[in-house]
Amino acid sequence: MTSLEVQKTPQEKQQLYLETVNQFFGQVKEWLPESVETVQIENALLEDKTGEYEVPLLSIIKKGVLTPDSVIANLLPQGISFLTGEDLIEIKGAWDEEELAYIRQKNLIQTVRHGKECLMDEGFEKEGWYWILINQDQIRPITKELFFEIIRKVSNQPMESI
């Protein structure tokens, strides 16, 4: 931390987390085709390193279909990572789940990949949401196209066919 940075209180960290989550949910709603809609649940209880607080959950569902299998994917805020301090959201579908992290700055935490030490956030470009590709040892910045790829992966349903 530089001398100009001010340590945030747990409540300020929670508020910042909620702002990034709500901003991402807004972006997702803009990206989605008209064949789907979202349902937001406001008061899910979450506990992370900052304490306990309420977060929104977002479900992406087939428009006009009110059956259990109408859910394409759920976006589930996971709080602030204890290890890295990054904001986390899990995208969960019937087939799989993936994790996104909001990365504000390059993380200097080292990890070992293929027998060599390297930065944990290899692939960081700028502040924003990233898909954490654990099996490929990389992160990728979220775009509309990449988000649709994640949805296809977790739900086994391409957005174009919904």
Protein backbone atom coordinates (compact mmCIF):
# COMPACT_ATOMS: atom_id res chain seq x y z
CA MET A 1 0.00 0.00 0.00
CA THR A 2 1.36 3.44 -0.90
CA SER A 3 1.24 6.37 1.48
CA LEU A 4 -1.61 7.88 -0.58
CA GLU A 5 -3.88 4.82 -0.27
CA VAL A 6 -6.35 4.81 2.60
CA GLN A 7 -7.33 1.55 4.25
CA LYS A 8 -11.05 0.90 3.70
CA THR A 9 -13.34 -0.25 6.50
CA PRO A 10 -15.09 -3.62 6.08
CA GLN A 11 -18.36 -1.78 5.37
CA GLU A 12 -16.69 0.33 2.65
CA LYS A 13 -15.27 -2.84 1.08
CA GLN A 14 -18.73 -4.42 1.14
CA GLN A 15 -20.28 -1.34 -0.48
CA LEU A 16 -17.62 -1.32 -3.21
CA TYR A 17 -18.23 -5.04 -3.80
CA LEU A 18 -21.98 -4.50 -4.11
CA GLU A 19 -21.39 -1.65 -6.58
CA THR A 20 -19.20 -3.83 -8.83
CA VAL A 21 -21.70 -6.73 -8.66
CA ASN A 22 -24.68 -4.51 -9.49
CA GLN A 23 -22.75 -2.86 -12.31
CA PHE A 24 -21.92 -6.29 -13.76
CA PHE A 25 -25.54 -7.46 -13.43
CA GLY A 26 -26.61 -4.34 -15.35
CA GLN A 27 -24.11 -5.13 -18.10
CA VAL A 28 -25.33 -8.72 -18.31
CA LYS A 29 -28.94 -7.54 -18.70
CA GLU A 30 -27.88 -5.33 -21.64
CA TRP A 31 -26.02 -8.21 -23.33
CA LEU A 32 -28.82 -10.78 -23.16
CA PRO A 33 -31.01 -11.52 -26.19
CA GLU A 34 -34.75 -10.88 -26.02
CA SER A 35 -35.43 -14.62 -25.74
CA VAL A 36 -34.27 -14.58 -22.11
CA GLU A 37 -34.93 -12.47 -19.05
CA THR A 38 -33.44 -12.04 -15.62
CA VAL A 39 -34.86 -12.45 -12.16
CA GLN A 40 -33.02 -10.71 -9.35
CA ILE A 41 -33.33 -11.81 -5.75
CA GLU A 42 -32.25 -9.06 -3.40
CA ASN A 43 -31.54 -10.36 0.07
CA ALA A 44 -29.23 -13.37 0.01
CA LEU A 45 -27.00 -13.48 3.08
CA LEU A 46 -23.25 -13.68 2.44
CA GLU A 47 -20.31 -13.91 4.82
CA ASP A 48 -16.74 -13.23 3.75
CA LYS A 49 -13.61 -11.71 5.29
CA THR A 50 -15.42 -8.36 5.76
CA GLY A 51 -18.29 -9.84 7.76
CA GLU A 52 -21.91 -10.70 7.02
CA TYR A 53 -24.07 -8.71 4.57
CA GLU A 54 -26.85 -9.05 1.99
CA VAL A 55 -26.14 -9.43 -1.71
CA PRO A 56 -28.31 -9.74 -4.83
CA LEU A 57 -28.50 -12.95 -6.88
CA LEU A 58 -29.32 -12.96 -10.58
CA SER A 59 -30.96 -15.78 -12.53
CA ILE A 60 -31.02 -15.89 -16.31
CA ILE A 61 -34.17 -17.69 -17.45
CA LYS A 62 -35.98 -18.50 -20.70
CA LYS A 63 -38.51 -15.75 -21.33
CA GLY A 64 -42.09 -16.69 -20.55
CA VAL A 65 -41.22 -20.19 -19.31
CA LEU A 66 -42.05 -20.85 -15.67
CA THR A 67 -40.71 -24.34 -15.08
CA PRO A 68 -37.74 -25.55 -13.04
CA ASP A 69 -35.74 -26.15 -16.24
CA SER A 70 -36.28 -22.56 -17.43
CA VAL A 71 -33.20 -21.44 -15.47
CA ILE A 72 -30.23 -21.13 -17.82
CA ALA A 73 -27.70 -19.94 -15.23
CA ASN A 74 -27.45 -18.29 -11.84
CA LEU A 75 -24.97 -15.53 -11.01
CA LEU A 76 -24.07 -15.97 -7.35
CA PRO A 77 -21.91 -13.36 -5.62
CA GLN A 78 -19.28 -15.09 -3.48
CA GLY A 79 -17.88 -12.05 -1.66
CA ILE A 80 -14.33 -10.85 -1.38
CA SER A 81 -11.53 -13.41 -1.66
CA PHE A 82 -9.59 -13.91 1.56
CA LEU A 83 -6.41 -14.75 -0.35
CA THR A 84 -6.33 -12.05 -3.04
CA GLY A 85 -8.93 -9.47 -2.00
CA GLU A 86 -10.67 -9.80 -5.37
CA ASP A 87 -14.45 -9.63 -5.76
CA LEU A 88 -15.92 -12.99 -6.80
CA ILE A 89 -19.06 -14.16 -8.63
CA GLU A 90 -19.87 -17.77 -9.40
CA ILE A 91 -21.83 -18.56 -12.56
CA LYS A 92 -23.65 -21.82 -12.04
CA GLY A 93 -25.69 -23.84 -14.52
CA ALA A 94 -27.05 -27.37 -14.71
CA TRP A 95 -23.82 -28.66 -16.28
CA ASP A 96 -20.99 -26.75 -14.66
CA GLU A 97 -19.90 -23.69 -12.74
CA GLU A 98 -17.28 -21.04 -13.41
CA GLU A 99 -15.82 -18.21 -11.37
CA LEU A 100 -15.34 -14.55 -12.21
CA ALA A 101 -13.10 -12.15 -10.31
CA TYR A 102 -13.13 -8.37 -10.36
CA ILE A 103 -9.46 -7.43 -10.42
CA ARG A 104 -8.55 -3.83 -9.62
CA GLN A 105 -4.78 -4.03 -9.98
CA LYS A 106 -2.09 -6.52 -10.87
CA ASN A 107 -1.70 -8.98 -8.04
CA LEU A 108 1.87 -9.69 -6.99
CA ILE A 109 1.00 -13.03 -5.38
CA GLN A 110 3.11 -15.81 -6.90
CA THR A 111 1.93 -19.28 -7.84
CA VAL A 112 3.63 -22.27 -9.45
CA ARG A 113 2.66 -23.28 -12.99
CA HIS A 114 4.42 -26.04 -14.87
CA GLY A 115 7.18 -26.07 -12.26
CA LYS A 116 7.94 -22.33 -12.53
CA GLU A 117 6.93 -19.41 -10.32
CA CYS A 118 4.74 -16.80 -11.98
CA LEU A 119 2.15 -14.17 -11.11
CA MET A 120 -1.25 -15.50 -10.05
CA ASP A 121 -3.06 -12.94 -12.24
CA GLU A 122 -1.24 -13.78 -15.47
CA GLY A 123 -3.30 -12.15 -18.23
CA PHE A 124 -4.30 -9.02 -16.30
CA GLU A 125 -4.86 -6.05 -18.65
CA LYS A 126 -6.86 -3.46 -16.72
CA GLU A 127 -9.38 -3.17 -13.91
CA GLY A 128 -12.50 -5.23 -14.56
CA TRP A 129 -14.16 -8.65 -14.45
CA TYR A 130 -12.12 -11.69 -15.48
CA TRP A 131 -12.97 -15.34 -16.09
CA ILE A 132 -10.67 -17.49 -13.98
CA LEU A 133 -9.59 -20.46 -16.11
CA ILE A 134 -8.13 -22.68 -13.43
CA ASN A 135 -7.28 -25.64 -15.68
CA GLN A 136 -5.54 -23.38 -18.20
CA ASP A 137 -3.71 -21.28 -15.59
CA GLN A 138 -4.95 -17.95 -16.94
CA ILE A 139 -7.53 -15.20 -16.63
CA ARG A 140 -9.44 -13.59 -19.50
CA PRO A 141 -11.24 -10.22 -19.46
CA ILE A 142 -15.01 -10.57 -19.73
CA THR A 143 -16.65 -9.47 -22.97
CA LYS A 144 -20.16 -10.18 -24.24
CA GLU A 145 -18.86 -13.01 -26.41
CA LEU A 146 -16.85 -14.54 -23.58
CA PHE A 147 -19.82 -14.24 -21.20
CA PHE A 148 -21.98 -16.15 -23.71
CA GLU A 149 -19.24 -18.80 -23.94
CA ILE A 150 -19.34 -19.18 -20.15
CA ILE A 151 -23.15 -19.47 -20.20
CA ARG A 152 -22.92 -22.15 -22.91
CA LYS A 153 -20.32 -24.03 -20.86
CA VAL A 154 -22.26 -24.01 -17.58
CA SER A 155 -25.73 -24.61 -19.08
CA ASN A 156 -24.91 -26.60 -22.24
CA GLN A 157 -27.19 -24.14 -24.07
CA PRO A 158 -25.78 -21.71 -26.64
CA MET A 159 -27.40 -18.27 -26.26
CA GLU A 160 -28.16 -18.22 -29.99
CA SER A 161 -30.42 -21.29 -29.66
CA ILE A 162 -32.46 -20.02 -26.71
